[in-house]
Amino acid sequence: LEDLARMMNTNRTYIYQAINQQMGITF
């Protein structure tokens, strides 16, 4: 997950919330 966050220049909290909460699935 950290690799994707680094590529998108954001923190993994945002990525985690977008995937887990908005998409409803795990990374």
mmCIF file of all heavy atoms, coordinates in Angstrom:
data_MODEL
# 
_entry.id   MODEL 
# 
loop_
_atom_site.group_PDB 
_atom_site.id 
_atom_site.type_symbol 
_atom_site.label_atom_id 
_atom_site.label_alt_id 
_atom_site.label_comp_id 
_atom_site.label_asym_id 
_atom_site.label_entity_id 
_atom_site.label_seq_id 
_atom_site.pdbx_PDB_ins_code 
_atom_site.Cartn_x 
_atom_site.Cartn_y 
_atom_site.Cartn_z 
_atom_site.occupancy 
_atom_site.B_iso_or_equiv 
_atom_site.pdbx_formal_charge 
_atom_site.auth_seq_id 
_atom_site.auth_comp_id 
_atom_site.auth_asym_id 
_atom_site.auth_atom_id 
_atom_site.pdbx_PDB_model_num 
ATOM 1   N N   . LEU A 1 1  ? 0.834   -1.196 0.000  1.00 0.00 ? 1  LEU A N   1 
ATOM 2   C CA  . LEU A 1 1  ? 0.000   0.000  0.000  1.00 0.00 ? 1  LEU A CA  1 
ATOM 3   C C   . LEU A 1 1  ? 0.870   1.249  0.000  1.00 0.00 ? 1  LEU A C   1 
ATOM 4   O O   . LEU A 1 1  ? 0.568   2.244  -0.670 1.00 0.00 ? 1  LEU A O   1 
ATOM 5   C CB  . LEU A 1 1  ? -0.903  -0.008 1.242  1.00 0.00 ? 1  LEU A CB  1 
ATOM 6   C CG  . LEU A 1 1  ? -1.886  1.145  1.399  1.00 0.00 ? 1  LEU A CG  1 
ATOM 7   C CD1 . LEU A 1 1  ? -3.016  1.012  0.393  1.00 0.00 ? 1  LEU A CD1 1 
ATOM 8   C CD2 . LEU A 1 1  ? -2.451  1.178  2.808  1.00 0.00 ? 1  LEU A CD2 1 
ATOM 9   N N   . GLU A 1 2  ? 1.967   1.190  0.716  1.00 0.00 ? 2  GLU A N   1 
ATOM 10  C CA  . GLU A 1 2  ? 2.883   2.323  0.810  1.00 0.00 ? 2  GLU A CA  1 
ATOM 11  C C   . GLU A 1 2  ? 3.475   2.681  -0.554 1.00 0.00 ? 2  GLU A C   1 
ATOM 12  O O   . GLU A 1 2  ? 3.713   3.861  -0.850 1.00 0.00 ? 2  GLU A O   1 
ATOM 13  C CB  . GLU A 1 2  ? 4.006   1.991  1.794  1.00 0.00 ? 2  GLU A CB  1 
ATOM 14  C CG  . GLU A 1 2  ? 4.945   3.152  2.073  1.00 0.00 ? 2  GLU A CG  1 
ATOM 15  C CD  . GLU A 1 2  ? 5.992   2.788  3.107  1.00 0.00 ? 2  GLU A CD  1 
ATOM 16  O OE1 . GLU A 1 2  ? 6.027   1.608  3.529  1.00 0.00 ? 2  GLU A OE1 1 
ATOM 17  O OE2 . GLU A 1 2  ? 6.764   3.677  3.488  1.00 0.00 ? 2  GLU A OE2 1 
ATOM 18  N N   . ASP A 1 3  ? 3.704   1.668  -1.399 1.00 0.00 ? 3  ASP A N   1 
ATOM 19  C CA  . ASP A 1 3  ? 4.251   1.909  -2.738 1.00 0.00 ? 3  ASP A CA  1 
ATOM 20  C C   . ASP A 1 3  ? 3.281   2.740  -3.582 1.00 0.00 ? 3  ASP A C   1 
ATOM 21  O O   . ASP A 1 3  ? 3.692   3.653  -4.303 1.00 0.00 ? 3  ASP A O   1 
ATOM 22  C CB  . ASP A 1 3  ? 4.543   0.584  -3.442 1.00 0.00 ? 3  ASP A CB  1 
ATOM 23  C CG  . ASP A 1 3  ? 5.560   -0.251 -2.697 1.00 0.00 ? 3  ASP A CG  1 
ATOM 24  O OD1 . ASP A 1 3  ? 6.461   0.341  -2.070 1.00 0.00 ? 3  ASP A OD1 1 
ATOM 25  O OD2 . ASP A 1 3  ? 5.458   -1.496 -2.736 1.00 0.00 ? 3  ASP A OD2 1 
ATOM 26  N N   . LEU A 1 4  ? 1.993   2.397  -3.483 1.00 0.00 ? 4  LEU A N   1 
ATOM 27  C CA  . LEU A 1 4  ? 0.978   3.138  -4.235 1.00 0.00 ? 4  LEU A CA  1 
ATOM 28  C C   . LEU A 1 4  ? 0.856   4.562  -3.706 1.00 0.00 ? 4  LEU A C   1 
ATOM 29  O O   . LEU A 1 4  ? 0.734   5.512  -4.484 1.00 0.00 ? 4  LEU A O   1 
ATOM 30  C CB  . LEU A 1 4  ? -0.370  2.422  -4.139 1.00 0.00 ? 4  LEU A CB  1 
ATOM 31  C CG  . LEU A 1 4  ? -1.565  3.099  -4.820 1.00 0.00 ? 4  LEU A CG  1 
ATOM 32  C CD1 . LEU A 1 4  ? -1.283  3.314  -6.311 1.00 0.00 ? 4  LEU A CD1 1 
ATOM 33  C CD2 . LEU A 1 4  ? -2.825  2.261  -4.629 1.00 0.00 ? 4  LEU A CD2 1 
ATOM 34  N N   . ALA A 1 5  ? 0.903   4.719  -2.382 1.00 0.00 ? 5  ALA A N   1 
ATOM 35  C CA  . ALA A 1 5  ? 0.816   6.052  -1.778 1.00 0.00 ? 5  ALA A CA  1 
ATOM 36  C C   . ALA A 1 5  ? 1.984   6.924  -2.221 1.00 0.00 ? 5  ALA A C   1 
ATOM 37  O O   . ALA A 1 5  ? 1.814   8.110  -2.529 1.00 0.00 ? 5  ALA A O   1 
ATOM 38  C CB  . ALA A 1 5  ? 0.793   5.923  -0.256 1.00 0.00 ? 5  ALA A CB  1 
ATOM 39  N N   . ARG A 1 6  ? 3.179   6.327  -2.255 1.00 0.00 ? 6  ARG A N   1 
ATOM 40  C CA  . ARG A 1 6  ? 4.363   7.075  -2.664 1.00 0.00 ? 6  ARG A CA  1 
ATOM 41  C C   . ARG A 1 6  ? 4.252   7.491  -4.144 1.00 0.00 ? 6  ARG A C   1 
ATOM 42  O O   . ARG A 1 6  ? 4.612   8.608  -4.507 1.00 0.00 ? 6  ARG A O   1 
ATOM 43  C CB  . ARG A 1 6  ? 5.605   6.219  -2.450 1.00 0.00 ? 6  ARG A CB  1 
ATOM 44  C CG  . ARG A 1 6  ? 6.920   6.983  -2.660 1.00 0.00 ? 6  ARG A CG  1 
ATOM 45  C CD  . ARG A 1 6  ? 8.128   6.095  -2.466 1.00 0.00 ? 6  ARG A CD  1 
ATOM 46  N NE  . ARG A 1 6  ? 8.183   5.546  -1.124 1.00 0.00 ? 6  ARG A NE  1 
ATOM 47  C CZ  . ARG A 1 6  ? 8.002   4.264  -0.831 1.00 0.00 ? 6  ARG A CZ  1 
ATOM 48  N NH1 . ARG A 1 6  ? 7.734   3.393  -1.809 1.00 0.00 ? 6  ARG A NH1 1 
ATOM 49  N NH2 . ARG A 1 6  ? 8.073   3.838  0.413  1.00 0.00 ? 6  ARG A NH2 1 
ATOM 50  N N   . MET A 1 7  ? 3.738   6.601  -4.970 1.00 0.00 ? 7  MET A N   1 
ATOM 51  C CA  . MET A 1 7  ? 3.605   6.904  -6.397 1.00 0.00 ? 7  MET A CA  1 
ATOM 52  C C   . MET A 1 7  ? 2.614   8.042  -6.627 1.00 0.00 ? 7  MET A C   1 
ATOM 53  O O   . MET A 1 7  ? 2.805   8.871  -7.522 1.00 0.00 ? 7  MET A O   1 
ATOM 54  C CB  . MET A 1 7  ? 3.147   5.652  -7.150 1.00 0.00 ? 7  MET A CB  1 
ATOM 55  C CG  . MET A 1 7  ? 2.866   5.898  -8.618 1.00 0.00 ? 7  MET A CG  1 
ATOM 56  S SD  . MET A 1 7  ? 2.418   4.383  -9.485 1.00 0.00 ? 7  MET A SD  1 
ATOM 57  C CE  . MET A 1 7  ? 4.008   3.546  -9.498 1.00 0.00 ? 7  MET A CE  1 
ATOM 58  N N   . MET A 1 8  ? 1.563   8.083  -5.799 1.00 0.00 ? 8  MET A N   1 
ATOM 59  C CA  . MET A 1 8  ? 0.540   9.110  -5.974 1.00 0.00 ? 8  MET A CA  1 
ATOM 60  C C   . MET A 1 8  ? 0.825   10.357 -5.144 1.00 0.00 ? 8  MET A C   1 
ATOM 61  O O   . MET A 1 8  ? 0.001   11.277 -5.076 1.00 0.00 ? 8  MET A O   1 
ATOM 62  C CB  . MET A 1 8  ? -0.827  8.523  -5.610 1.00 0.00 ? 8  MET A CB  1 
ATOM 63  C CG  . MET A 1 8  ? -1.234  7.354  -6.484 1.00 0.00 ? 8  MET A CG  1 
ATOM 64  S SD  . MET A 1 8  ? -2.947  6.856  -6.266 1.00 0.00 ? 8  MET A SD  1 
ATOM 65  C CE  . MET A 1 8  ? -3.809  8.306  -6.833 1.00 0.00 ? 8  MET A CE  1 
ATOM 66  N N   . ASN A 1 9  ? 1.981   10.356 -4.490 1.00 0.00 ? 9  ASN A N   1 
ATOM 67  C CA  . ASN A 1 9  ? 2.411   11.513 -3.705 1.00 0.00 ? 9  ASN A CA  1 
ATOM 68  C C   . ASN A 1 9  ? 1.385   11.900 -2.641 1.00 0.00 ? 9  ASN A C   1 
ATOM 69  O O   . ASN A 1 9  ? 1.039   13.071 -2.464 1.00 0.00 ? 9  ASN A O   1 
ATOM 70  C CB  . ASN A 1 9  ? 2.676   12.710 -4.633 1.00 0.00 ? 9  ASN A CB  1 
ATOM 71  C CG  . ASN A 1 9  ? 3.486   13.801 -3.937 1.00 0.00 ? 9  ASN A CG  1 
ATOM 72  O OD1 . ASN A 1 9  ? 4.277   13.521 -3.043 1.00 0.00 ? 9  ASN A OD1 1 
ATOM 73  N ND2 . ASN A 1 9  ? 3.278   15.036 -4.342 1.00 0.00 ? 9  ASN A ND2 1 
ATOM 74  N N   . THR A 1 10 ? 0.895   10.907 -1.933 1.00 0.00 ? 10 THR A N   1 
ATOM 75  C CA  . THR A 1 10 ? -0.038  11.141 -0.834 1.00 0.00 ? 10 THR A CA  1 
ATOM 76  C C   . THR A 1 10 ? 0.294   10.157 0.267  1.00 0.00 ? 10 THR A C   1 
ATOM 77  O O   . THR A 1 10 ? 1.166   9.308  0.111  1.00 0.00 ? 10 THR A O   1 
ATOM 78  C CB  . THR A 1 10 ? -1.492  10.978 -1.298 1.00 0.00 ? 10 THR A CB  1 
ATOM 79  O OG1 . THR A 1 10 ? -2.376  11.331 -0.225 1.00 0.00 ? 10 THR A OG1 1 
ATOM 80  C CG2 . THR A 1 10 ? -1.785  9.548  -1.718 1.00 0.00 ? 10 THR A CG2 1 
ATOM 81  N N   . ASN A 1 11 ? -0.396  10.253 1.411  1.00 0.00 ? 11 ASN A N   1 
ATOM 82  C CA  . ASN A 1 11 ? -0.086  9.313  2.491  1.00 0.00 ? 11 ASN A CA  1 
ATOM 83  C C   . ASN A 1 11 ? -0.995  8.102  2.432  1.00 0.00 ? 11 ASN A C   1 
ATOM 84  O O   . ASN A 1 11 ? -2.050  8.120  1.811  1.00 0.00 ? 11 ASN A O   1 
ATOM 85  C CB  . ASN A 1 11 ? -0.166  10.005 3.867  1.00 0.00 ? 11 ASN A CB  1 
ATOM 86  C CG  . ASN A 1 11 ? -1.580  10.436 4.223  1.00 0.00 ? 11 ASN A CG  1 
ATOM 87  O OD1 . ASN A 1 11 ? -2.473  9.612  4.336  1.00 0.00 ? 11 ASN A OD1 1 
ATOM 88  N ND2 . ASN A 1 11 ? -1.787  11.734 4.412  1.00 0.00 ? 11 ASN A ND2 1 
ATOM 89  N N   . ARG A 1 12 ? -0.569  7.046  3.090  1.00 0.00 ? 12 ARG A N   1 
ATOM 90  C CA  . ARG A 1 12 ? -1.280  5.774  2.984  1.00 0.00 ? 12 ARG A CA  1 
ATOM 91  C C   . ARG A 1 12 ? -2.629  5.788  3.702  1.00 0.00 ? 12 ARG A C   1 
ATOM 92  O O   . ARG A 1 12 ? -3.466  4.930  3.443  1.00 0.00 ? 12 ARG A O   1 
ATOM 93  C CB  . ARG A 1 12 ? -0.419  4.627  3.526  1.00 0.00 ? 12 ARG A CB  1 
ATOM 94  C CG  . ARG A 1 12 ? 0.051   4.809  4.941  1.00 0.00 ? 12 ARG A CG  1 
ATOM 95  C CD  . ARG A 1 12 ? 0.929   3.637  5.339  1.00 0.00 ? 12 ARG A CD  1 
ATOM 96  N NE  . ARG A 1 12 ? 1.490   3.822  6.673  1.00 0.00 ? 12 ARG A NE  1 
ATOM 97  C CZ  . ARG A 1 12 ? 2.649   4.424  6.905  1.00 0.00 ? 12 ARG A CZ  1 
ATOM 98  N NH1 . ARG A 1 12 ? 3.348   4.912  5.887  1.00 0.00 ? 12 ARG A NH1 1 
ATOM 99  N NH2 . ARG A 1 12 ? 3.105   4.570  8.126  1.00 0.00 ? 12 ARG A NH2 1 
ATOM 100 N N   . THR A 1 13 ? -2.848  6.765  4.584  1.00 0.00 ? 13 THR A N   1 
ATOM 101 C CA  . THR A 1 13 ? -4.152  6.871  5.227  1.00 0.00 ? 13 THR A CA  1 
ATOM 102 C C   . THR A 1 13 ? -5.225  7.182  4.194  1.00 0.00 ? 13 THR A C   1 
ATOM 103 O O   . THR A 1 13 ? -6.317  6.602  4.198  1.00 0.00 ? 13 THR A O   1 
ATOM 104 C CB  . THR A 1 13 ? -4.146  7.972  6.301  1.00 0.00 ? 13 THR A CB  1 
ATOM 105 O OG1 . THR A 1 13 ? -3.140  7.692  7.266  1.00 0.00 ? 13 THR A OG1 1 
ATOM 106 C CG2 . THR A 1 13 ? -5.490  8.048  7.005  1.00 0.00 ? 13 THR A CG2 1 
ATOM 107 N N   . TYR A 1 14 ? -4.930  8.110  3.305  1.00 0.00 ? 14 TYR A N   1 
ATOM 108 C CA  . TYR A 1 14 ? -5.865  8.437  2.234  1.00 0.00 ? 14 TYR A CA  1 
ATOM 109 C C   . TYR A 1 14 ? -6.124  7.225  1.344  1.00 0.00 ? 14 TYR A C   1 
ATOM 110 O O   . TYR A 1 14 ? -7.276  6.929  0.990  1.00 0.00 ? 14 TYR A O   1 
ATOM 111 C CB  . TYR A 1 14 ? -5.286  9.573  1.380  1.00 0.00 ? 14 TYR A CB  1 
ATOM 112 C CG  . TYR A 1 14 ? -5.466  10.951 1.952  1.00 0.00 ? 14 TYR A CG  1 
ATOM 113 C CD1 . TYR A 1 14 ? -6.068  11.149 3.189  1.00 0.00 ? 14 TYR A CD1 1 
ATOM 114 C CD2 . TYR A 1 14 ? -5.043  12.067 1.237  1.00 0.00 ? 14 TYR A CD2 1 
ATOM 115 C CE1 . TYR A 1 14 ? -6.239  12.421 3.696  1.00 0.00 ? 14 TYR A CE1 1 
ATOM 116 C CE2 . TYR A 1 14 ? -5.199  13.357 1.741  1.00 0.00 ? 14 TYR A CE2 1 
ATOM 117 C CZ  . TYR A 1 14 ? -5.799  13.522 2.973  1.00 0.00 ? 14 TYR A CZ  1 
ATOM 118 O OH  . TYR A 1 14 ? -5.965  14.780 3.471  1.00 0.00 ? 14 TYR A OH  1 
ATOM 119 N N   . ILE A 1 15 ? -5.043  6.549  0.941  1.00 0.00 ? 15 ILE A N   1 
ATOM 120 C CA  . ILE A 1 15 ? -5.176  5.384  0.063  1.00 0.00 ? 15 ILE A CA  1 
ATOM 121 C C   . ILE A 1 15 ? -5.987  4.291  0.754  1.00 0.00 ? 15 ILE A C   1 
ATOM 122 O O   . ILE A 1 15 ? -6.875  3.676  0.145  1.00 0.00 ? 15 ILE A O   1 
ATOM 123 C CB  . ILE A 1 15 ? -3.790  4.838  -0.335 1.00 0.00 ? 15 ILE A CB  1 
ATOM 124 C CG1 . ILE A 1 15 ? -2.964  5.915  -1.042 1.00 0.00 ? 15 ILE A CG1 1 
ATOM 125 C CG2 . ILE A 1 15 ? -3.937  3.614  -1.227 1.00 0.00 ? 15 ILE A CG2 1 
ATOM 126 C CD1 . ILE A 1 15 ? -3.519  6.366  -2.358 1.00 0.00 ? 15 ILE A CD1 1 
ATOM 127 N N   . TYR A 1 16 ? -5.667  4.060  2.014  1.00 0.00 ? 16 TYR A N   1 
ATOM 128 C CA  . TYR A 1 16 ? -6.377  3.038  2.788  1.00 0.00 ? 16 TYR A CA  1 
ATOM 129 C C   . TYR A 1 16 ? -7.877  3.329  2.840  1.00 0.00 ? 16 TYR A C   1 
ATOM 130 O O   . TYR A 1 16 ? -8.713  2.458  2.606  1.00 0.00 ? 16 TYR A O   1 
ATOM 131 C CB  . TYR A 1 16 ? -5.797  2.980  4.200  1.00 0.00 ? 16 TYR A CB  1 
ATOM 132 C CG  . TYR A 1 16 ? -6.635  2.194  5.175  1.00 0.00 ? 16 TYR A CG  1 
ATOM 133 C CD1 . TYR A 1 16 ? -6.554  0.809  5.229  1.00 0.00 ? 16 TYR A CD1 1 
ATOM 134 C CD2 . TYR A 1 16 ? -7.527  2.839  6.035  1.00 0.00 ? 16 TYR A CD2 1 
ATOM 135 C CE1 . TYR A 1 16 ? -7.333  0.085  6.126  1.00 0.00 ? 16 TYR A CE1 1 
ATOM 136 C CE2 . TYR A 1 16 ? -8.308  2.125  6.924  1.00 0.00 ? 16 TYR A CE2 1 
ATOM 137 C CZ  . TYR A 1 16 ? -8.209  0.746  6.963  1.00 0.00 ? 16 TYR A CZ  1 
ATOM 138 O OH  . TYR A 1 16 ? -8.984  0.038  7.837  1.00 0.00 ? 16 TYR A OH  1 
ATOM 139 N N   . GLN A 1 17 ? -8.226  4.580  3.140  1.00 0.00 ? 17 GLN A N   1 
ATOM 140 C CA  . GLN A 1 17 ? -9.641  4.950  3.255  1.00 0.00 ? 17 GLN A CA  1 
ATOM 141 C C   . GLN A 1 17 ? -10.355 4.856  1.907  1.00 0.00 ? 17 GLN A C   1 
ATOM 142 O O   . GLN A 1 17 ? -11.508 4.426  1.840  1.00 0.00 ? 17 GLN A O   1 
ATOM 143 C CB  . GLN A 1 17 ? -9.758  6.363  3.821  1.00 0.00 ? 17 GLN A CB  1 
ATOM 144 C CG  . GLN A 1 17 ? -9.335  6.467  5.280  1.00 0.00 ? 17 GLN A CG  1 
ATOM 145 C CD  . GLN A 1 17 ? -9.357  7.892  5.797  1.00 0.00 ? 17 GLN A CD  1 
ATOM 146 O OE1 . GLN A 1 17 ? -9.432  8.840  5.025  1.00 0.00 ? 17 GLN A OE1 1 
ATOM 147 N NE2 . GLN A 1 17 ? -9.283  8.051  7.106  1.00 0.00 ? 17 GLN A NE2 1 
ATOM 148 N N   . ALA A 1 18 ? -9.672  5.262  0.854  1.00 0.00 ? 18 ALA A N   1 
ATOM 149 C CA  . ALA A 1 18 ? -10.292 5.222  -0.471 1.00 0.00 ? 18 ALA A CA  1 
ATOM 150 C C   . ALA A 1 18 ? -10.607 3.793  -0.893 1.00 0.00 ? 18 ALA A C   1 
ATOM 151 O O   . ALA A 1 18 ? -11.687 3.505  -1.425 1.00 0.00 ? 18 ALA A O   1 
ATOM 152 C CB  . ALA A 1 18 ? -9.369  5.885  -1.494 1.00 0.00 ? 18 ALA A CB  1 
ATOM 153 N N   . ILE A 1 19 ? -9.665  2.879  -0.659 1.00 0.00 ? 19 ILE A N   1 
ATOM 154 C CA  . ILE A 1 19 ? -9.852  1.487  -1.088 1.00 0.00 ? 19 ILE A CA  1 
ATOM 155 C C   . ILE A 1 19 ? -10.779 0.730  -0.149 1.00 0.00 ? 19 ILE A C   1 
ATOM 156 O O   . ILE A 1 19 ? -11.728 0.076  -0.586 1.00 0.00 ? 19 ILE A O   1 
ATOM 157 C CB  . ILE A 1 19 ? -8.493  0.770  -1.186 1.00 0.00 ? 19 ILE A CB  1 
ATOM 158 C CG1 . ILE A 1 19 ? -7.647  1.408  -2.294 1.00 0.00 ? 19 ILE A CG1 1 
ATOM 159 C CG2 . ILE A 1 19 ? -8.688  -0.718 -1.475 1.00 0.00 ? 19 ILE A CG2 1 
ATOM 160 C CD1 . ILE A 1 19 ? -6.250  0.828  -2.430 1.00 0.00 ? 19 ILE A CD1 1 
ATOM 161 N N   . ASN A 1 20 ? -10.522 0.820  1.157  1.00 0.00 ? 20 ASN A N   1 
ATOM 162 C CA  . ASN A 1 20 ? -11.294 0.041  2.127  1.00 0.00 ? 20 ASN A CA  1 
ATOM 163 C C   . ASN A 1 20 ? -12.690 0.593  2.380  1.00 0.00 ? 20 ASN A C   1 
ATOM 164 O O   . ASN A 1 20 ? -13.640 -0.171 2.509  1.00 0.00 ? 20 ASN A O   1 
ATOM 165 C CB  . ASN A 1 20 ? -10.526 -0.048 3.445  1.00 0.00 ? 20 ASN A CB  1 
ATOM 166 C CG  . ASN A 1 20 ? -9.380  -1.033 3.381  1.00 0.00 ? 20 ASN A CG  1 
ATOM 167 O OD1 . ASN A 1 20 ? -9.500  -2.175 3.787  1.00 0.00 ? 20 ASN A OD1 1 
ATOM 168 N ND2 . ASN A 1 20 ? -8.244  -0.593 2.847  1.00 0.00 ? 20 ASN A ND2 1 
ATOM 169 N N   . GLN A 1 21 ? -12.803 1.920  2.472  1.00 0.00 ? 21 GLN A N   1 
ATOM 170 C CA  . GLN A 1 21 ? -14.088 2.497  2.827  1.00 0.00 ? 21 GLN A CA  1 
ATOM 171 C C   . GLN A 1 21 ? -14.944 2.851  1.616  1.00 0.00 ? 21 GLN A C   1 
ATOM 172 O O   . GLN A 1 21 ? -16.148 2.614  1.607  1.00 0.00 ? 21 GLN A O   1 
ATOM 173 C CB  . GLN A 1 21 ? -13.866 3.735  3.707  1.00 0.00 ? 21 GLN A CB  1 
ATOM 174 C CG  . GLN A 1 21 ? -13.191 3.412  5.039  1.00 0.00 ? 21 GLN A CG  1 
ATOM 175 C CD  . GLN A 1 21 ? -12.922 4.649  5.880  1.00 0.00 ? 21 GLN A CD  1 
ATOM 176 O OE1 . GLN A 1 21 ? -13.433 5.730  5.602  1.00 0.00 ? 21 GLN A OE1 1 
ATOM 177 N NE2 . GLN A 1 21 ? -12.111 4.490  6.911  1.00 0.00 ? 21 GLN A NE2 1 
ATOM 178 N N   . GLN A 1 22 ? -14.329 3.426  0.600  1.00 0.00 ? 22 GLN A N   1 
ATOM 179 C CA  . GLN A 1 22 ? -15.113 3.834  -0.568 1.00 0.00 ? 22 GLN A CA  1 
ATOM 180 C C   . GLN A 1 22 ? -15.330 2.685  -1.549 1.00 0.00 ? 22 GLN A C   1 
ATOM 181 O O   . GLN A 1 22 ? -16.424 2.516  -2.088 1.00 0.00 ? 22 GLN A O   1 
ATOM 182 C CB  . GLN A 1 22 ? -14.433 5.014  -1.268 1.00 0.00 ? 22 GLN A CB  1 
ATOM 183 C CG  . GLN A 1 22 ? -14.409 6.273  -0.404 1.00 0.00 ? 22 GLN A CG  1 
ATOM 184 C CD  . GLN A 1 22 ? -13.870 7.483  -1.141 1.00 0.00 ? 22 GLN A CD  1 
ATOM 185 O OE1 . GLN A 1 22 ? -13.922 7.567  -2.367 1.00 0.00 ? 22 GLN A OE1 1 
ATOM 186 N NE2 . GLN A 1 22 ? -13.343 8.435  -0.403 1.00 0.00 ? 22 GLN A NE2 1 
ATOM 187 N N   . MET A 1 23 ? -14.285 1.873  -1.779 1.00 0.00 ? 23 MET A N   1 
ATOM 188 C CA  . MET A 1 23 ? -14.439 0.727  -2.676 1.00 0.00 ? 23 MET A CA  1 
ATOM 189 C C   . MET A 1 23 ? -15.041 -0.474 -1.947 1.00 0.00 ? 23 MET A C   1 
ATOM 190 O O   . MET A 1 23 ? -15.630 -1.352 -2.579 1.00 0.00 ? 23 MET A O   1 
ATOM 191 C CB  . MET A 1 23 ? -13.085 0.332  -3.278 1.00 0.00 ? 23 MET A CB  1 
ATOM 192 C CG  . MET A 1 23 ? -12.466 1.369  -4.187 1.00 0.00 ? 23 MET A CG  1 
ATOM 193 S SD  . MET A 1 23 ? -10.936 0.730  -4.940 1.00 0.00 ? 23 MET A SD  1 
ATOM 194 C CE  . MET A 1 23 ? -10.343 2.194  -5.778 1.00 0.00 ? 23 MET A CE  1 
ATOM 195 N N   . GLY A 1 24 ? -14.841 -0.534 -0.633 1.00 0.00 ? 24 GLY A N   1 
ATOM 196 C CA  . GLY A 1 24 ? -15.392 -1.637 0.148  1.00 0.00 ? 24 GLY A CA  1 
ATOM 197 C C   . GLY A 1 24 ? -14.617 -2.936 0.028  1.00 0.00 ? 24 GLY A C   1 
ATOM 198 O O   . GLY A 1 24 ? -15.173 -4.014 0.258  1.00 0.00 ? 24 GLY A O   1 
ATOM 199 N N   . ILE A 1 25 ? -13.330 -2.859 -0.352 1.00 0.00 ? 25 ILE A N   1 
ATOM 200 C CA  . ILE A 1 25 ? -12.501 -4.050 -0.476 1.00 0.00 ? 25 ILE A CA  1 
ATOM 201 C C   . ILE A 1 25 ? -11.136 -3.778 0.150  1.00 0.00 ? 25 ILE A C   1 
ATOM 202 O O   . ILE A 1 25 ? -10.811 -2.633 0.471  1.00 0.00 ? 25 ILE A O   1 
ATOM 203 C CB  . ILE A 1 25 ? -12.305 -4.473 -1.953 1.00 0.00 ? 25 ILE A CB  1 
ATOM 204 C CG1 . ILE A 1 25 ? -11.705 -3.321 -2.768 1.00 0.00 ? 25 ILE A CG1 1 
ATOM 205 C CG2 . ILE A 1 25 ? -13.616 -4.935 -2.560 1.00 0.00 ? 25 ILE A CG2 1 
ATOM 206 C CD1 . ILE A 1 25 ? -11.430 -3.673 -4.219 1.00 0.00 ? 25 ILE A CD1 1 
ATOM 207 N N   . THR A 1 26 ? -10.333 -4.822 0.308  1.00 0.00 ? 26 THR A N   1 
ATOM 208 C CA  . THR A 1 26 ? -8.984  -4.647 0.832  1.00 0.00 ? 26 THR A CA  1 
ATOM 209 C C   . THR A 1 26 ? -8.012  -4.344 -0.310 1.00 0.00 ? 26 THR A C   1 
ATOM 210 O O   . THR A 1 26 ? -8.330  -4.581 -1.482 1.00 0.00 ? 26 THR A O   1 
ATOM 211 C CB  . THR A 1 26 ? -8.499  -5.902 1.568  1.00 0.00 ? 26 THR A CB  1 
ATOM 212 O OG1 . THR A 1 26 ? -8.411  -6.999 0.632  1.00 0.00 ? 26 THR A OG1 1 
ATOM 213 C CG2 . THR A 1 26 ? -9.453  -6.278 2.698  1.00 0.00 ? 26 THR A CG2 1 
ATOM 214 N N   . PHE A 1 27 ? -6.857  -3.848 0.052  1.00 0.00 ? 27 PHE A N   1 
ATOM 215 C CA  . PHE A 1 27 ? -5.816  -3.575 -0.945 1.00 0.00 ? 27 PHE A CA  1 
ATOM 216 C C   . PHE A 1 27 ? -5.427  -4.861 -1.662 1.00 0.00 ? 27 PHE A C   1 
ATOM 217 O O   . PHE A 1 27 ? -5.217  -4.874 -2.882 1.00 0.00 ? 27 PHE A O   1 
ATOM 218 C CB  . PHE A 1 27 ? -4.595  -2.963 -0.241 1.00 0.00 ? 27 PHE A CB  1 
ATOM 219 C CG  . PHE A 1 27 ? -3.428  -2.700 -1.147 1.00 0.00 ? 27 PHE A CG  1 
ATOM 220 C CD1 . PHE A 1 27 ? -3.497  -1.728 -2.133 1.00 0.00 ? 27 PHE A CD1 1 
ATOM 221 C CD2 . PHE A 1 27 ? -2.252  -3.429 -1.017 1.00 0.00 ? 27 PHE A CD2 1 
ATOM 222 C CE1 . PHE A 1 27 ? -2.417  -1.483 -2.982 1.00 0.00 ? 27 PHE A CE1 1 
ATOM 223 C CE2 . PHE A 1 27 ? -1.167  -3.187 -1.850 1.00 0.00 ? 27 PHE A CE2 1 
ATOM 224 C CZ  . PHE A 1 27 ? -1.250  -2.212 -2.836 1.00 0.00 ? 27 PHE A CZ  1 
# 
